[in-house]
Amino acid sequence: MKPVSDDAEAWYPPSDAALSLERIRSERDHYKRMAAEMAELDAARRSAAPLIGIDRQRIQQLALKAGFTLKKQESGGYDLSPCIYDLAERISRELQGRFK
């Protein structure tokens, strides 16, 4: 069988190692993009204007009265779990939808 061209890459198929390295790079880039998107969404969520007039401080007050506790966060400070703020936001959106 004759080579199609003198180019070695055109003649020899890529090795399994080269394919694995390319896949690793592709997955790494994919996860980097995902992490950047998640960080962007988290920043947007944290800076979002309060829905129906309840800000984070008021959500925290209500949650503490309901028995939730503050936990140490990655930043080193103490705050409610982010899922509590997410829940408050979802409830707020649900209420906004009902009263439109």
PDB file of N, CA and C in Angstrom:
ATOM      1  N   MET A   1       0.847  -1.168   0.000  1.00  0.00           N
ATOM      2  CA  MET A   1       0.000   0.000   0.000  1.00  0.00           C
ATOM      3  C   MET A   1       0.891   1.229   0.000  1.00  0.00           C
ATOM      4  N   LYS A   2       0.596   2.178  -0.872  1.00  0.00           N
ATOM      5  CA  LYS A   2       1.405   3.389  -0.988  1.00  0.00           C
ATOM      6  C   LYS A   2       0.811   4.503  -0.125  1.00  0.00           C
ATOM      7  N   PRO A   3       1.674   5.312   0.445  1.00  0.00           N
ATOM      8  CA  PRO A   3       1.158   6.446   1.219  1.00  0.00           C
ATOM      9  C   PRO A   3       0.476   7.445   0.294  1.00  0.00           C
ATOM     10  N   VAL A   4      -0.559   8.102   0.788  1.00  0.00           N
ATOM     11  CA  VAL A   4      -1.286   9.102   0.016  1.00  0.00           C
ATOM     12  C   VAL A   4      -0.419  10.339  -0.163  1.00  0.00           C
ATOM     13  N   SER A   5       0.344  10.654   0.862  1.00  0.00           N
ATOM     14  CA  SER A   5       1.257  11.793   0.783  1.00  0.00           C
ATOM     15  C   SER A   5       2.531  11.436   1.535  1.00  0.00           C
ATOM     16  N   ASP A   6       3.479  12.329   1.465  1.00  0.00           N
ATOM     17  CA  ASP A   6       4.722  12.123   2.196  1.00  0.00           C
ATOM     18  C   ASP A   6       4.596  12.552   3.656  1.00  0.00           C
ATOM     19  N   ASP A   7       3.484  13.153   3.989  1.00  0.00           N
ATOM     20  CA  ASP A   7       3.260  13.614   5.353  1.00  0.00           C
ATOM     21  C   ASP A   7       3.070  12.402   6.265  1.00  0.00           C
ATOM     22  N   ALA A   8       3.893  12.296   7.301  1.00  0.00           N
ATOM     23  CA  ALA A   8       3.857  11.130   8.184  1.00  0.00           C
ATOM     24  C   ALA A   8       2.522  11.007   8.903  1.00  0.00           C
ATOM     25  N   GLU A   9       1.912  12.134   9.277  1.00  0.00           N
ATOM     26  CA  GLU A   9       0.645  12.071   9.988  1.00  0.00           C
ATOM     27  C   GLU A   9      -0.474  11.557   9.092  1.00  0.00           C
ATOM     28  N   ALA A  10      -0.389  11.851   7.816  1.00  0.00           N
ATOM     29  CA  ALA A  10      -1.412  11.365   6.898  1.00  0.00           C
ATOM     30  C   ALA A  10      -1.260   9.859   6.668  1.00  0.00           C
ATOM     31  N   TRP A  11      -0.076   9.379   6.832  1.00  0.00           N
ATOM     32  CA  TRP A  11       0.184   7.966   6.567  1.00  0.00           C
ATOM     33  C   TRP A  11      -0.108   7.096   7.785  1.00  0.00           C
ATOM     34  N   TYR A  12       0.312   7.525   8.935  1.00  0.00           N
ATOM     35  CA  TYR A  12       0.134   6.732  10.135  1.00  0.00           C
ATOM     36  C   TYR A  12      -1.052   7.255  10.950  1.00  0.00           C
ATOM     37  N   PRO A  13      -1.899   6.360  11.382  1.00  0.00           N
ATOM     38  CA  PRO A  13      -3.020   6.819  12.223  1.00  0.00           C
ATOM     39  C   PRO A  13      -2.483   7.299  13.572  1.00  0.00           C
ATOM     40  N   PRO A  14      -3.213   8.192  14.236  1.00  0.00           N
ATOM     41  CA  PRO A  14      -2.733   8.660  15.534  1.00  0.00           C
ATOM     42  C   PRO A  14      -2.686   7.515  16.539  1.00  0.00           C
ATOM     43  N   SER A  15      -1.737   7.588  17.408  1.00  0.00           N
ATOM     44  CA  SER A  15      -1.595   6.526  18.406  1.00  0.00           C
ATOM     45  C   SER A  15      -2.677   6.682  19.470  1.00  0.00           C
ATOM     46  N   ASP A  16      -2.882   5.615  20.230  1.00  0.00           N
ATOM     47  CA  ASP A  16      -3.854   5.662  21.326  1.00  0.00           C
ATOM     48  C   ASP A  16      -3.452   6.723  22.350  1.00  0.00           C
ATOM     49  N   ALA A  17      -2.145   6.862  22.559  1.00  0.00           N
ATOM     50  CA  ALA A  17      -1.669   7.852  23.524  1.00  0.00           C
ATOM     51  C   ALA A  17      -2.012   9.264  23.059  1.00  0.00           C
ATOM     52  N   ALA A  18      -1.841   9.532  21.751  1.00  0.00           N
ATOM     53  CA  ALA A  18      -2.168  10.854  21.214  1.00  0.00           C
ATOM     54  C   ALA A  18      -3.670  11.116  21.333  1.00  0.00           C
ATOM     55  N   LEU A  19      -4.491  10.106  21.057  1.00  0.00           N
ATOM     56  CA  LEU A  19      -5.937  10.261  21.188  1.00  0.00           C
ATOM     57  C   LEU A  19      -6.323  10.493  22.646  1.00  0.00           C
ATOM     58  N   SER A  20      -5.690   9.775  23.558  1.00  0.00           N
ATOM     59  CA  SER A  20      -5.984   9.941  24.978  1.00  0.00           C
ATOM     60  C   SER A  20      -5.607  11.337  25.448  1.00  0.00           C
ATOM     61  N   LEU A  21      -4.446  11.825  25.009  1.00  0.00           N
ATOM     62  CA  LEU A  21      -4.005  13.161  25.389  1.00  0.00           C
ATOM     63  C   LEU A  21      -4.976  14.206  24.851  1.00  0.00           C
ATOM     64  N   GLU A  22      -5.419  14.037  23.624  1.00  0.00           N
ATOM     65  CA  GLU A  22      -6.374  14.975  23.044  1.00  0.00           C
ATOM     66  C   GLU A  22      -7.702  14.938  23.808  1.00  0.00           C
ATOM     67  N   ARG A  23      -8.132  13.771  24.202  1.00  0.00           N
ATOM     68  CA  ARG A  23      -9.375  13.646  24.964  1.00  0.00           C
ATOM     69  C   ARG A  23      -9.238  14.298  26.345  1.00  0.00           C
ATOM     70  N   ILE A  24      -8.099  14.098  26.980  1.00  0.00           N
ATOM     71  CA  ILE A  24      -7.846  14.720  28.278  1.00  0.00           C
ATOM     72  C   ILE A  24      -7.882  16.240  28.146  1.00  0.00           C
ATOM     73  N   ARG A  25      -7.234  16.767  27.124  1.00  0.00           N
ATOM     74  CA  ARG A  25      -7.235  18.215  26.906  1.00  0.00           C
ATOM     75  C   ARG A  25      -8.652  18.730  26.640  1.00  0.00           C
ATOM     76  N   SER A  26      -9.388  17.997  25.844  1.00  0.00           N
ATOM     77  CA  SER A  26     -10.761  18.392  25.525  1.00  0.00           C
ATOM     78  C   SER A  26     -11.633  18.408  26.779  1.00  0.00           C
ATOM     79  N   GLU A  27     -11.521  17.367  27.610  1.00  0.00           N
ATOM     80  CA  GLU A  27     -12.296  17.307  28.849  1.00  0.00           C
ATOM     81  C   GLU A  27     -11.857  18.398  29.815  1.00  0.00           C
ATOM     82  N   ARG A  28     -10.559  18.659  29.884  1.00  0.00           N
ATOM     83  CA  ARG A  28     -10.056  19.717  30.755  1.00  0.00           C
ATOM     84  C   ARG A  28     -10.653  21.061  30.346  1.00  0.00           C
ATOM     85  N   ASP A  29     -10.648  21.333  29.049  1.00  0.00           N
ATOM     86  CA  ASP A  29     -11.218  22.589  28.562  1.00  0.00           C
ATOM     87  C   ASP A  29     -12.712  22.667  28.840  1.00  0.00           C
ATOM     88  N   HIS A  30     -13.379  21.539  28.679  1.00  0.00           N
ATOM     89  CA  HIS A  30     -14.822  21.482  28.957  1.00  0.00           C
ATOM     90  C   HIS A  30     -15.091  21.822  30.419  1.00  0.00           C
ATOM     91  N   TYR A  31     -14.351  21.214  31.339  1.00  0.00           N
ATOM     92  CA  TYR A  31     -14.564  21.462  32.761  1.00  0.00           C
ATOM     93  C   TYR A  31     -14.161  22.881  33.157  1.00  0.00           C
ATOM     94  N   LYS A  32     -13.145  23.438  32.501  1.00  0.00           N
ATOM     95  CA  LYS A  32     -12.779  24.830  32.763  1.00  0.00           C
ATOM     96  C   LYS A  32     -13.910  25.760  32.354  1.00  0.00           C
ATOM     97  N   ARG A  33     -14.519  25.493  31.169  1.00  0.00           N
ATOM     98  CA  ARG A  33     -15.655  26.308  30.728  1.00  0.00           C
ATOM     99  C   ARG A  33     -16.826  26.175  31.683  1.00  0.00           C
ATOM    100  N   MET A  34     -17.092  24.954  32.141  1.00  0.00           N
ATOM    101  CA  MET A  34     -18.191  24.735  33.083  1.00  0.00           C
ATOM    102  C   MET A  34     -17.944  25.482  34.389  1.00  0.00           C
ATOM    103  N   ALA A  35     -16.726  25.425  34.899  1.00  0.00           N
ATOM    104  CA  ALA A  35     -16.396  26.105  36.146  1.00  0.00           C
ATOM    105  C   ALA A  35     -16.550  27.616  35.980  1.00  0.00           C
ATOM    106  N   ALA A  36     -16.129  28.141  34.843  1.00  0.00           N
ATOM    107  CA  ALA A  36     -16.266  29.576  34.598  1.00  0.00           C
ATOM    108  C   ALA A  36     -17.735  29.974  34.521  1.00  0.00           C
ATOM    109  N   GLU A  37     -18.548  29.163  33.853  1.00  0.00           N
ATOM    110  CA  GLU A  37     -19.979  29.446  33.758  1.00  0.00           C
ATOM    111  C   GLU A  37     -20.640  29.381  35.133  1.00  0.00           C
ATOM    112  N   MET A  38     -20.260  28.394  35.942  1.00  0.00           N
ATOM    113  CA  MET A  38     -20.834  28.272  37.283  1.00  0.00           C
ATOM    114  C   MET A  38     -20.442  29.467  38.151  1.00  0.00           C
ATOM    115  N   ALA A  39     -19.196  29.902  38.043  1.00  0.00           N
ATOM    116  CA  ALA A  39     -18.748  31.063  38.815  1.00  0.00           C
ATOM    117  C   ALA A  39     -19.502  32.311  38.381  1.00  0.00           C
ATOM    118  N   GLU A  40     -19.728  32.440  37.078  1.00  0.00           N
ATOM    119  CA  GLU A  40     -20.475  33.579  36.554  1.00  0.00           C
ATOM    120  C   GLU A  40     -21.923  33.555  37.050  1.00  0.00           C
ATOM    121  N   LEU A  41     -22.547  32.386  37.002  1.00  0.00           N
ATOM    122  CA  LEU A  41     -23.923  32.266  37.490  1.00  0.00           C
ATOM    123  C   LEU A  41     -24.011  32.539  38.985  1.00  0.00           C
ATOM    124  N   ASP A  42     -23.033  32.046  39.743  1.00  0.00           N
ATOM    125  CA  ASP A  42     -23.030  32.263  41.178  1.00  0.00           C
ATOM    126  C   ASP A  42     -22.873  33.746  41.492  1.00  0.00           C
ATOM    127  N   ALA A  43     -21.985  34.429  40.762  1.00  0.00           N
ATOM    128  CA  ALA A  43     -21.797  35.866  40.971  1.00  0.00           C
ATOM    129  C   ALA A  43     -23.078  36.623  40.623  1.00  0.00           C
ATOM    130  N   ALA A  44     -23.730  36.218  39.537  1.00  0.00           N
ATOM    131  CA  ALA A  44     -24.987  36.873  39.155  1.00  0.00           C
ATOM    132  C   ALA A  44     -26.057  36.624  40.208  1.00  0.00           C
ATOM    133  N   ARG A  45     -26.094  35.413  40.731  1.00  0.00           N
ATOM    134  CA  ARG A  45     -27.092  35.081  41.753  1.00  0.00           C
ATOM    135  C   ARG A  45     -26.861  35.905  43.011  1.00  0.00           C
ATOM    136  N   ARG A  46     -25.601  36.048  43.399  1.00  0.00           N
ATOM    137  CA  ARG A  46     -25.293  36.790  44.619  1.00  0.00           C
ATOM    138  C   ARG A  46     -25.584  38.283  44.469  1.00  0.00           C
ATOM    139  N   SER A  47     -25.418  38.809  43.261  1.00  0.00           N
ATOM    140  CA  SER A  47     -25.605  40.243  43.073  1.00  0.00           C
ATOM    141  C   SER A  47     -27.001  40.586  42.549  1.00  0.00           C
ATOM    142  N   ALA A  48     -27.837  39.587  42.349  1.00  0.00           N
ATOM    143  CA  ALA A  48     -29.167  39.838  41.796  1.00  0.00           C
ATOM    144  C   ALA A  48     -29.988  40.705  42.741  1.00  0.00           C
ATOM    145  N   ALA A  49     -30.783  41.548  42.151  1.00  0.00           N
ATOM    146  CA  ALA A  49     -31.672  42.381  42.961  1.00  0.00           C
ATOM    147  C   ALA A  49     -32.665  41.474  43.674  1.00  0.00           C
ATOM    148  N   PRO A  50     -33.034  41.848  44.889  1.00  0.00           N
ATOM    149  CA  PRO A  50     -33.975  41.008  45.626  1.00  0.00           C
ATOM    150  C   PRO A  50     -35.312  40.918  44.909  1.00  0.00           C
ATOM    151  N   LEU A  51     -35.883  39.765  44.952  1.00  0.00           N
ATOM    152  CA  LEU A  51     -37.188  39.550  44.366  1.00  0.00           C
ATOM    153  C   LEU A  51     -38.253  39.908  45.396  1.00  0.00           C
ATOM    154  N   ILE A  52     -39.305  40.437  44.974  1.00  0.00           N
ATOM    155  CA  ILE A  52     -40.422  40.919  45.800  1.00  0.00           C
ATOM    156  C   ILE A  52     -39.985  41.581  47.095  1.00  0.00           C
ATOM    157  N   GLY A  53     -38.894  42.322  47.046  1.00  0.00           N
ATOM    158  CA  GLY A  53     -38.506  43.157  48.160  1.00  0.00           C
ATOM    159  C   GLY A  53     -37.836  42.479  49.341  1.00  0.00           C
ATOM    160  N   ILE A  54     -37.378  41.253  49.218  1.00  0.00           N
ATOM    161  CA  ILE A  54     -36.693  40.590  50.331  1.00  0.00           C
ATOM    162  C   ILE A  54     -35.218  40.460  49.966  1.00  0.00           C
ATOM    163  N   ASP A  55     -34.352  41.058  50.777  1.00  0.00           N
ATOM    164  CA  ASP A  55     -32.921  40.969  50.502  1.00  0.00           C
ATOM    165  C   ASP A  55     -32.295  39.812  51.289  1.00  0.00           C
ATOM    166  N   ARG A  56     -31.027  39.581  51.048  1.00  0.00           N
ATOM    167  CA  ARG A  56     -30.327  38.458  51.686  1.00  0.00           C
ATOM    168  C   ARG A  56     -30.334  38.568  53.209  1.00  0.00           C
ATOM    169  N   GLN A  57     -30.211  39.792  53.717  1.00  0.00           N
ATOM    170  CA  GLN A  57     -30.200  39.968  55.166  1.00  0.00           C
ATOM    171  C   GLN A  57     -31.541  39.550  55.765  1.00  0.00           C
ATOM    172  N   ARG A  58     -32.643  39.917  55.110  1.00  0.00           N
ATOM    173  CA  ARG A  58     -33.967  39.546  55.614  1.00  0.00           C
ATOM    174  C   ARG A  58     -34.173  38.034  55.507  1.00  0.00           C
ATOM    175  N   ILE A  59     -33.707  37.420  54.409  1.00  0.00           N
ATOM    176  CA  ILE A  59     -33.800  35.961  54.264  1.00  0.00           C
ATOM    177  C   ILE A  59     -33.041  35.299  55.404  1.00  0.00           C
ATOM    178  N   GLN A  60     -31.849  35.829  55.713  1.00  0.00           N
ATOM    179  CA  GLN A  60     -31.042  35.262  56.797  1.00  0.00           C
ATOM    180  C   GLN A  60     -31.766  35.390  58.141  1.00  0.00           C
ATOM    181  N   GLN A  61     -32.366  36.544  58.399  1.00  0.00           N
ATOM    182  CA  GLN A  61     -33.099  36.738  59.649  1.00  0.00           C
ATOM    183  C   GLN A  61     -34.236  35.723  59.775  1.00  0.00           C
ATOM    184  N   LEU A  62     -35.002  35.569  58.701  1.00  0.00           N
ATOM    185  CA  LEU A  62     -36.131  34.633  58.726  1.00  0.00           C
ATOM    186  C   LEU A  62     -35.654  33.193  58.907  1.00  0.00           C
ATOM    187  N   ALA A  63     -34.574  32.843  58.217  1.00  0.00           N
ATOM    188  CA  ALA A  63     -34.053  31.480  58.306  1.00  0.00           C
ATOM    189  C   ALA A  63     -33.536  31.175  59.712  1.00  0.00           C
ATOM    190  N   LEU A  64     -32.854  32.135  60.315  1.00  0.00           N
ATOM    191  CA  LEU A  64     -32.345  31.929  61.682  1.00  0.00           C
ATOM    192  C   LEU A  64     -33.487  31.782  62.677  1.00  0.00           C
ATOM    193  N   LYS A  65     -34.547  32.568  62.490  1.00  0.00           N
ATOM    194  CA  LYS A  65     -35.725  32.434  63.361  1.00  0.00           C
ATOM    195  C   LYS A  65     -36.399  31.079  63.178  1.00  0.00           C
ATOM    196  N   ALA A  66     -36.287  30.522  61.971  1.00  0.00           N
ATOM    197  CA  ALA A  66     -36.897  29.228  61.681  1.00  0.00           C
ATOM    198  C   ALA A  66     -36.030  28.059  62.139  1.00  0.00           C
ATOM    199  N   GLY A  67     -34.833  28.336  62.664  1.00  0.00           N
ATOM    200  CA  GLY A  67     -33.999  27.268  63.196  1.00  0.00           C
ATOM    201  C   GLY A  67     -32.797  26.897  62.355  1.00  0.00           C
ATOM    202  N   PHE A  68     -32.610  27.555  61.213  1.00  0.00           N
ATOM    203  CA  PHE A  68     -31.418  27.297  60.414  1.00  0.00           C
ATOM    204  C   PHE A  68     -30.215  27.901  61.131  1.00  0.00           C
ATOM    205  N   THR A  69     -29.035  27.389  60.830  1.00  0.00           N
ATOM    206  CA  THR A  69     -27.825  27.889  61.480  1.00  0.00           C
ATOM    207  C   THR A  69     -26.823  28.372  60.443  1.00  0.00           C
ATOM    208  N   LEU A  70     -25.934  29.233  60.893  1.00  0.00           N
ATOM    209  CA  LEU A  70     -24.866  29.716  60.025  1.00  0.00           C
ATOM    210  C   LEU A  70     -23.762  28.668  59.965  1.00  0.00           C
ATOM    211  N   LYS A  71     -23.178  28.523  58.796  1.00  0.00           N
ATOM    212  CA  LYS A  71     -22.082  27.565  58.600  1.00  0.00           C
ATOM    213  C   LYS A  71     -20.873  28.316  58.059  1.00  0.00           C
ATOM    214  N   LYS A  72     -19.698  27.819  58.357  1.00  0.00           N
ATOM    215  CA  LYS A  72     -18.475  28.427  57.832  1.00  0.00           C
ATOM    216  C   LYS A  72     -18.433  28.205  56.326  1.00  0.00           C
ATOM    217  N   GLN A  73     -18.198  29.268  55.581  1.00  0.00           N
ATOM    218  CA  GLN A  73     -18.166  29.214  54.126  1.00  0.00           C
ATOM    219  C   GLN A  73     -16.727  29.170  53.621  1.00  0.00           C
ATOM    220  N   GLU A  74     -16.580  28.914  52.326  1.00  0.00           N
ATOM    221  CA  GLU A  74     -15.244  28.834  51.722  1.00  0.00           C
ATOM    222  C   GLU A  74     -14.475  30.145  51.892  1.00  0.00           C
ATOM    223  N   SER A  75     -15.204  31.257  51.941  1.00  0.00           N
ATOM    224  CA  SER A  75     -14.563  32.564  52.077  1.00  0.00           C
ATOM    225  C   SER A  75     -13.998  32.785  53.478  1.00  0.00           C
ATOM    226  N   GLY A  76     -14.389  31.905  54.429  1.00  0.00           N
ATOM    227  CA  GLY A  76     -13.909  32.025  55.794  1.00  0.00           C
ATOM    228  C   GLY A  76     -14.937  32.607  56.741  1.00  0.00           C
ATOM    229  N   GLY A  77     -15.943  33.303  56.186  1.00  0.00           N
ATOM    230  CA  GLY A  77     -16.992  33.881  57.014  1.00  0.00           C
ATOM    231  C   GLY A  77     -18.093  32.871  57.291  1.00  0.00           C
ATOM    232  N   TYR A  78     -19.074  33.310  58.053  1.00  0.00           N
ATOM    233  CA  TYR A  78     -20.214  32.452  58.375  1.00  0.00           C
ATOM    234  C   TYR A  78     -21.448  32.986  57.663  1.00  0.00           C
ATOM    235  N   ASP A  79     -22.213  32.077  57.086  1.00  0.00           N
ATOM    236  CA  ASP A  79     -23.419  32.443  56.359  1.00  0.00           C
ATOM    237  C   ASP A  79     -24.307  31.212  56.268  1.00  0.00           C
ATOM    238  N   LEU A  80     -25.523  31.435  55.817  1.00  0.00           N
ATOM    239  CA  LEU A  80     -26.408  30.305  55.546  1.00  0.00           C
ATOM    240  C   LEU A  80     -25.885  29.538  54.347  1.00  0.00           C
ATOM    241  N   SER A  81     -26.304  28.320  54.218  1.00  0.00           N
ATOM    242  CA  SER A  81     -25.955  27.532  53.040  1.00  0.00           C
ATOM    243  C   SER A  81     -26.558  28.209  51.808  1.00  0.00           C
ATOM    244  N   PRO A  82     -25.839  28.249  50.691  1.00  0.00           N
ATOM    245  CA  PRO A  82     -26.375  28.881  49.484  1.00  0.00           C
ATOM    246  C   PRO A  82     -27.715  28.290  49.037  1.00  0.00           C
ATOM    247  N   CYS A  83     -27.962  27.030  49.373  1.00  0.00           N
ATOM    248  CA  CYS A  83     -29.219  26.420  48.941  1.00  0.00           C
ATOM    249  C   CYS A  83     -30.426  27.084  49.614  1.00  0.00           C
ATOM    250  N   ILE A  84     -30.239  27.688  50.787  1.00  0.00           N
ATOM    251  CA  ILE A  84     -31.347  28.378  51.451  1.00  0.00           C
ATOM    252  C   ILE A  84     -31.717  29.633  50.676  1.00  0.00           C
ATOM    253  N   TYR A  85     -30.710  30.370  50.208  1.00  0.00           N
ATOM    254  CA  TYR A  85     -30.986  31.549  49.391  1.00  0.00           C
ATOM    255  C   TYR A  85     -31.626  31.149  48.067  1.00  0.00           C
ATOM    256  N   ASP A  86     -31.157  30.029  47.499  1.00  0.00           N
ATOM    257  CA  ASP A  86     -31.760  29.531  46.262  1.00  0.00           C
ATOM    258  C   ASP A  86     -33.228  29.188  46.473  1.00  0.00           C
ATOM    259  N   LEU A  87     -33.538  28.536  47.586  1.00  0.00           N
ATOM    260  CA  LEU A  87     -34.921  28.196  47.891  1.00  0.00           C
ATOM    261  C   LEU A  87     -35.764  29.455  48.034  1.00  0.00           C
ATOM    262  N   ALA A  88     -35.254  30.447  48.740  1.00  0.00           N
ATOM    263  CA  ALA A  88     -35.992  31.700  48.912  1.00  0.00           C
ATOM    264  C   ALA A  88     -36.243  32.363  47.561  1.00  0.00           C
ATOM    265  N   GLU A  89     -35.254  32.314  46.677  1.00  0.00           N
ATOM    266  CA  GLU A  89     -35.403  32.898  45.352  1.00  0.00           C
ATOM    267  C   GLU A  89     -36.467  32.151  44.550  1.00  0.00           C
ATOM    268  N   ARG A  90     -36.463  30.832  44.627  1.00  0.00           N
ATOM    269  CA  ARG A  90     -37.466  30.040  43.895  1.00  0.00           C
ATOM    270  C   ARG A  90     -38.871  30.310  44.419  1.00  0.00           C
ATOM    271  N   ILE A  91     -39.008  30.396  45.735  1.00  0.00           N
ATOM    272  CA  ILE A  91     -40.316  30.690  46.320  1.00  0.00           C
ATOM    273  C   ILE A  91     -40.768  32.078  45.874  1.00  0.00           C
ATOM    274  N   SER A  92     -39.841  33.026  45.889  1.00  0.00           N
ATOM    275  CA  SER A  92     -40.161  34.385  45.479  1.00  0.00           C
ATOM    276  C   SER A  92     -40.634  34.421  44.028  1.00  0.00           C
ATOM    277  N   ARG A  93     -39.942  33.717  43.147  1.00  0.00           N
ATOM    278  CA  ARG A  93     -40.355  33.670  41.733  1.00  0.00           C
ATOM    279  C   ARG A  93     -41.719  33.016  41.576  1.00  0.00           C
ATOM    280  N   GLU A  94     -41.952  31.974  42.337  1.00  0.00           N
ATOM    281  CA  GLU A  94     -43.251  31.297  42.297  1.00  0.00           C
ATOM    282  C   GLU A  94     -44.351  32.272  42.706  1.00  0.00           C
ATOM    283  N   LEU A  95     -44.110  33.028  43.766  1.00  0.00           N
ATOM    284  CA  LEU A  95     -45.108  34.000  44.229  1.00  0.00           C
ATOM    285  C   LEU A  95     -45.300  35.115  43.220  1.00  0.00           C
ATOM    286  N   GLN A  96     -44.221  35.561  42.602  1.00  0.00           N
ATOM    287  CA  GLN A  96     -44.341  36.610  41.581  1.00  0.00           C
ATOM    288  C   GLN A  96     -45.193  36.128  40.426  1.00  0.00           C
ATOM    289  N   GLY A  97     -45.011  34.867  40.038  1.00  0.00           N
ATOM    290  CA  GLY A  97     -45.803  34.311  38.938  1.00  0.00           C
ATOM    291  C   GLY A  97     -47.277  34.235  39.264  1.00  0.00           C
ATOM    292  N   ARG A  98     -47.607  34.000  40.501  1.00  0.00           N
ATOM    293  CA  ARG A  98     -49.025  33.886  40.904  1.00  0.00           C
ATOM    294  C   ARG A  98     -49.718  35.232  40.995  1.00  0.00           C
ATOM    295  N   PHE A  99     -48.965  36.278  41.264  1.00  0.00           N
ATOM    296  CA  PHE A  99     -49.578  37.585  41.478  1.00  0.00           C
ATOM    297  C   PHE A  99     -49.414  38.527  40.291  1.00  0.00           C
ATOM    298  N   LYS A 100     -49.077  38.008  39.135  1.00  0.00           N
ATOM    299  CA  LYS A 100     -48.948  38.860  37.942  1.00  0.00           C
ATOM    300  C   LYS A 100     -50.286  39.115  37.326  1.00  0.00           C
TER     301      LYS A 100
END
